[in-house]
Each structure stands twice: as structure tokens, then as C-alpha cells.
Amino acid sequence: MTLKSILNDIADIIMAKGTTAARKDLTALAAAVRDTQPGAAAALTDWEGSEIARERAFAVIRHEVVRAGQERQFAIVMDLAAFRAVALAA
């Protein structure tokens, strides 16, 4: 699974059901980009904040990730894949 397809899956969930439906994926994504996008990562996981703030944070992160180099993208994919495997097993 490519990073682009993972992000597209998350975006589809957000569009259909809102950010709370993708909470586990967004938490993993925020953790994966916290070093390069700390403000967006914090906003993405601020569950007391507004829906639109989380959606904007996702857009910022998605843009940064798409522009990141292949090595960085691979690291993010591995983080998300590991988190999804743990979430599915639980």
C-alpha cells in the first residue's frame, strides 16, 4: 500500500464520516509527522478543537507528506502500517 493510497483512504473516511471516524489513523499520522509539522500534528489530534481545524491540519500534513522525499515517505508509511496492524489486532 502506498502512502498516497493510505492518505486517500483517510481522506475518504473524513469526507464521509468526519475526523472522529479516522481518529486512530490521524493519531498515527500525527505521531509520524510531529518532528516536521508539530503545529499541524497538535491540531490534528486536538479532539476538543473544531472539526474544521482538524481537517485543515490534515490538509497541511497531507501536502507536506506528498512533497517529502521518498525516504521520509517510506518512514511514514511504515509508521502508519505498523499502527494499523496493531489497531486491527486489538
N, C-alpha and C. Protein backbone atom coordinates (compact mmCIF):
# COMPACT_ATOMS: atom_id res chain seq x y z
N MET A 1 0.84 -1.17 0.00
CA MET A 1 0.00 0.00 0.00
C MET A 1 0.89 1.24 0.00
N THR A 2 0.61 2.16 -0.89
CA THR A 2 1.41 3.37 -0.98
C THR A 2 0.91 4.42 0.00
N LEU A 3 1.77 5.36 0.29
CA LEU A 3 1.40 6.45 1.18
C LEU A 3 0.22 7.23 0.60
N LYS A 4 0.26 7.45 -0.70
CA LYS A 4 -0.83 8.19 -1.34
C LYS A 4 -2.17 7.47 -1.15
N SER A 5 -2.17 6.15 -1.29
CA SER A 5 -3.43 5.41 -1.12
C SER A 5 -3.90 5.43 0.34
N ILE A 6 -2.97 5.38 1.28
CA ILE A 6 -3.33 5.46 2.70
C ILE A 6 -3.96 6.82 2.99
N LEU A 7 -3.32 7.88 2.51
CA LEU A 7 -3.85 9.23 2.74
C LEU A 7 -5.20 9.41 2.05
N ASN A 8 -5.36 8.83 0.87
CA ASN A 8 -6.65 8.90 0.18
C ASN A 8 -7.73 8.16 0.97
N ASP A 9 -7.38 7.00 1.53
CA ASP A 9 -8.34 6.26 2.36
C ASP A 9 -8.77 7.09 3.57
N ILE A 10 -7.80 7.71 4.21
CA ILE A 10 -8.11 8.54 5.38
C ILE A 10 -8.98 9.72 4.96
N ALA A 11 -8.64 10.35 3.84
CA ALA A 11 -9.44 11.48 3.35
C ALA A 11 -10.87 11.05 3.05
N ASP A 12 -11.05 9.87 2.46
CA ASP A 12 -12.40 9.37 2.17
C ASP A 12 -13.21 9.18 3.46
N ILE A 13 -12.57 8.65 4.47
CA ILE A 13 -13.25 8.46 5.76
C ILE A 13 -13.64 9.82 6.34
N ILE A 14 -12.72 10.77 6.30
CA ILE A 14 -13.00 12.11 6.83
C ILE A 14 -14.16 12.75 6.08
N MET A 15 -14.16 12.64 4.77
CA MET A 15 -15.23 13.25 3.97
C MET A 15 -16.58 12.60 4.28
N ALA A 16 -16.59 11.30 4.47
CA ALA A 16 -17.85 10.59 4.68
C ALA A 16 -18.37 10.68 6.11
N LYS A 17 -17.45 10.62 7.08
CA LYS A 17 -17.88 10.47 8.48
C LYS A 17 -17.27 11.47 9.45
N GLY A 18 -16.34 12.30 8.99
CA GLY A 18 -15.68 13.25 9.89
C GLY A 18 -14.39 12.70 10.47
N THR A 19 -13.65 13.58 11.11
CA THR A 19 -12.32 13.21 11.62
C THR A 19 -12.38 12.21 12.77
N THR A 20 -13.44 12.23 13.54
CA THR A 20 -13.50 11.29 14.67
C THR A 20 -13.56 9.85 14.19
N ALA A 21 -14.09 9.61 13.01
CA ALA A 21 -14.14 8.25 12.46
C ALA A 21 -12.75 7.74 12.07
N ALA A 22 -11.82 8.66 11.84
CA ALA A 22 -10.45 8.30 11.46
C ALA A 22 -9.48 8.58 12.60
N ARG A 23 -9.98 8.64 13.80
CA ARG A 23 -9.18 9.06 14.96
C ARG A 23 -7.87 8.27 15.11
N LYS A 24 -7.94 6.95 15.00
CA LYS A 24 -6.73 6.13 15.19
C LYS A 24 -5.71 6.41 14.08
N ASP A 25 -6.17 6.51 12.85
CA ASP A 25 -5.25 6.82 11.74
C ASP A 25 -4.66 8.21 11.89
N LEU A 26 -5.48 9.17 12.29
CA LEU A 26 -4.98 10.54 12.45
C LEU A 26 -3.99 10.65 13.59
N THR A 27 -4.21 9.89 14.64
CA THR A 27 -3.26 9.86 15.76
C THR A 27 -1.92 9.31 15.29
N ALA A 28 -1.95 8.23 14.51
CA ALA A 28 -0.72 7.64 13.98
C ALA A 28 -0.03 8.60 13.01
N LEU A 29 -0.81 9.24 12.16
CA LEU A 29 -0.25 10.19 11.21
C LEU A 29 0.40 11.36 11.94
N ALA A 30 -0.26 11.88 12.95
CA ALA A 30 0.30 12.99 13.73
C ALA A 30 1.61 12.60 14.37
N ALA A 31 1.68 11.40 14.92
CA ALA A 31 2.92 10.93 15.54
C ALA A 31 4.04 10.82 14.52
N ALA A 32 3.68 10.40 13.30
CA ALA A 32 4.69 10.21 12.26
C ALA A 32 5.27 11.52 11.74
N VAL A 33 4.51 12.60 11.84
CA VAL A 33 4.98 13.89 11.28
C VAL A 33 5.25 14.94 12.34
N ARG A 34 5.15 14.56 13.60
CA ARG A 34 5.29 15.54 14.69
C ARG A 34 6.62 16.29 14.64
N ASP A 35 7.70 15.65 14.19
CA ASP A 35 9.00 16.32 14.16
C ASP A 35 9.08 17.38 13.05
N THR A 36 8.37 17.21 11.96
CA THR A 36 8.44 18.18 10.86
C THR A 36 7.25 19.13 10.82
N GLN A 37 6.13 18.74 11.38
CA GLN A 37 4.91 19.55 11.38
C GLN A 37 4.26 19.55 12.77
N PRO A 38 4.96 20.08 13.78
CA PRO A 38 4.44 19.97 15.15
C PRO A 38 3.10 20.68 15.38
N GLY A 39 2.91 21.84 14.79
CA GLY A 39 1.65 22.56 14.97
C GLY A 39 0.48 21.83 14.33
N ALA A 40 0.68 21.36 13.11
CA ALA A 40 -0.38 20.63 12.41
C ALA A 40 -0.66 19.30 13.12
N ALA A 41 0.37 18.65 13.61
CA ALA A 41 0.18 17.39 14.33
C ALA A 41 -0.64 17.62 15.60
N ALA A 42 -0.35 18.70 16.30
CA ALA A 42 -1.11 19.02 17.52
C ALA A 42 -2.57 19.33 17.19
N ALA A 43 -2.80 20.11 16.15
CA ALA A 43 -4.17 20.45 15.76
C ALA A 43 -4.93 19.22 15.28
N LEU A 44 -4.24 18.32 14.61
CA LEU A 44 -4.87 17.11 14.08
C LEU A 44 -5.41 16.21 15.18
N THR A 45 -4.78 16.25 16.33
CA THR A 45 -5.19 15.39 17.44
C THR A 45 -5.82 16.16 18.60
N ASP A 46 -6.24 17.38 18.33
CA ASP A 46 -6.93 18.19 19.35
C ASP A 46 -8.42 17.87 19.26
N TRP A 47 -8.86 16.88 20.00
CA TRP A 47 -10.24 16.41 19.92
C TRP A 47 -11.21 17.34 20.63
N GLU A 48 -10.70 18.33 21.33
CA GLU A 48 -11.55 19.36 21.92
C GLU A 48 -11.71 20.55 20.96
N GLY A 49 -10.88 20.58 19.93
CA GLY A 49 -10.92 21.66 18.94
C GLY A 49 -12.02 21.43 17.92
N SER A 50 -12.07 22.31 16.93
CA SER A 50 -13.13 22.23 15.92
C SER A 50 -12.79 21.21 14.83
N GLU A 51 -13.84 20.72 14.21
CA GLU A 51 -13.70 19.78 13.09
C GLU A 51 -12.89 20.41 11.97
N ILE A 52 -13.21 21.65 11.64
CA ILE A 52 -12.52 22.32 10.53
C ILE A 52 -11.03 22.48 10.81
N ALA A 53 -10.65 22.70 12.06
CA ALA A 53 -9.23 22.82 12.39
C ALA A 53 -8.51 21.49 12.15
N ARG A 54 -9.15 20.38 12.51
CA ARG A 54 -8.53 19.07 12.26
C ARG A 54 -8.46 18.79 10.76
N GLU A 55 -9.51 19.16 10.02
CA GLU A 55 -9.49 18.96 8.57
C GLU A 55 -8.38 19.78 7.91
N ARG A 56 -8.21 21.01 8.35
CA ARG A 56 -7.14 21.85 7.79
C ARG A 56 -5.77 21.28 8.15
N ALA A 57 -5.63 20.80 9.37
CA ALA A 57 -4.35 20.20 9.78
C ALA A 57 -4.05 18.98 8.91
N PHE A 58 -5.06 18.17 8.63
CA PHE A 58 -4.86 17.01 7.76
C PHE A 58 -4.39 17.47 6.38
N ALA A 59 -5.00 18.53 5.85
CA ALA A 59 -4.61 19.04 4.53
C ALA A 59 -3.16 19.51 4.53
N VAL A 60 -2.75 20.19 5.58
CA VAL A 60 -1.36 20.68 5.69
C VAL A 60 -0.40 19.49 5.74
N ILE A 61 -0.73 18.52 6.56
CA ILE A 61 0.14 17.35 6.70
C ILE A 61 0.20 16.57 5.39
N ARG A 62 -0.95 16.38 4.79
CA ARG A 62 -1.00 15.63 3.52
C ARG A 62 -0.13 16.31 2.47
N HIS A 63 -0.21 17.61 2.39
CA HIS A 63 0.60 18.36 1.43
C HIS A 63 2.10 18.18 1.72
N GLU A 64 2.48 18.28 2.98
CA GLU A 64 3.89 18.14 3.37
C GLU A 64 4.39 16.74 3.06
N VAL A 65 3.57 15.75 3.34
CA VAL A 65 3.97 14.36 3.13
C VAL A 65 4.15 14.06 1.65
N VAL A 66 3.24 14.56 0.83
CA VAL A 66 3.33 14.34 -0.61
C VAL A 66 4.60 14.96 -1.18
N ARG A 67 5.00 16.11 -0.63
CA ARG A 67 6.20 16.80 -1.10
C ARG A 67 7.48 16.24 -0.49
N ALA A 68 7.36 15.44 0.54
CA ALA A 68 8.54 14.89 1.22
C ALA A 68 9.28 13.93 0.29
N GLY A 69 10.53 13.74 0.58
CA GLY A 69 11.34 12.81 -0.19
C GLY A 69 10.89 11.37 0.03
N GLN A 70 11.35 10.48 -0.82
CA GLN A 70 10.95 9.08 -0.75
C GLN A 70 11.32 8.43 0.58
N GLU A 71 12.46 8.77 1.11
CA GLU A 71 12.89 8.17 2.38
C GLU A 71 11.92 8.55 3.50
N ARG A 72 11.55 9.81 3.54
CA ARG A 72 10.60 10.28 4.56
C ARG A 72 9.22 9.64 4.35
N GLN A 73 8.79 9.54 3.10
CA GLN A 73 7.51 8.91 2.81
C GLN A 73 7.50 7.46 3.26
N PHE A 74 8.60 6.75 3.01
CA PHE A 74 8.70 5.35 3.42
C PHE A 74 8.59 5.22 4.93
N ALA A 75 9.25 6.10 5.65
CA ALA A 75 9.20 6.06 7.12
C ALA A 75 7.77 6.29 7.61
N ILE A 76 7.06 7.20 6.99
CA ILE A 76 5.68 7.49 7.39
C ILE A 76 4.78 6.30 7.08
N VAL A 77 4.96 5.70 5.90
CA VAL A 77 4.17 4.52 5.54
C VAL A 77 4.40 3.41 6.56
N MET A 78 5.63 3.19 6.93
CA MET A 78 5.94 2.13 7.90
C MET A 78 5.30 2.42 9.25
N ASP A 79 5.34 3.68 9.69
CA ASP A 79 4.69 4.05 10.95
C ASP A 79 3.20 3.80 10.89
N LEU A 80 2.56 4.23 9.81
CA LEU A 80 1.11 4.04 9.67
C LEU A 80 0.74 2.57 9.54
N ALA A 81 1.51 1.83 8.78
CA ALA A 81 1.23 0.40 8.60
C ALA A 81 1.36 -0.35 9.92
N ALA A 82 2.38 -0.03 10.69
CA ALA A 82 2.56 -0.68 11.99
C ALA A 82 1.42 -0.34 12.91
N PHE A 83 1.00 0.91 12.91
CA PHE A 83 -0.11 1.32 13.78
C PHE A 83 -1.40 0.65 13.36
N ARG A 84 -1.65 0.57 12.05
CA ARG A 84 -2.88 -0.07 11.56
C ARG A 84 -2.88 -1.55 11.91
N ALA A 85 -1.75 -2.21 11.85
CA ALA A 85 -1.67 -3.63 12.20
C ALA A 85 -1.98 -3.82 13.68
N VAL A 86 -1.46 -2.94 14.51
CA VAL A 86 -1.73 -3.02 15.94
C VAL A 86 -3.20 -2.76 16.21
N ALA A 87 -3.77 -1.76 15.54
CA ALA A 87 -5.18 -1.42 15.75
C ALA A 87 -6.09 -2.54 15.29
N LEU A 88 -5.75 -3.21 14.20
CA LEU A 88 -6.56 -4.30 13.70
C LEU A 88 -6.48 -5.52 14.62
N ALA A 89 -5.32 -5.72 15.23
CA ALA A 89 -5.13 -6.87 16.11
C ALA A 89 -5.84 -6.68 17.44
N ALA A 90 -6.04 -5.44 17.83
CA ALA A 90 -6.65 -5.15 19.15
C ALA A 90 -8.14 -5.36 19.15
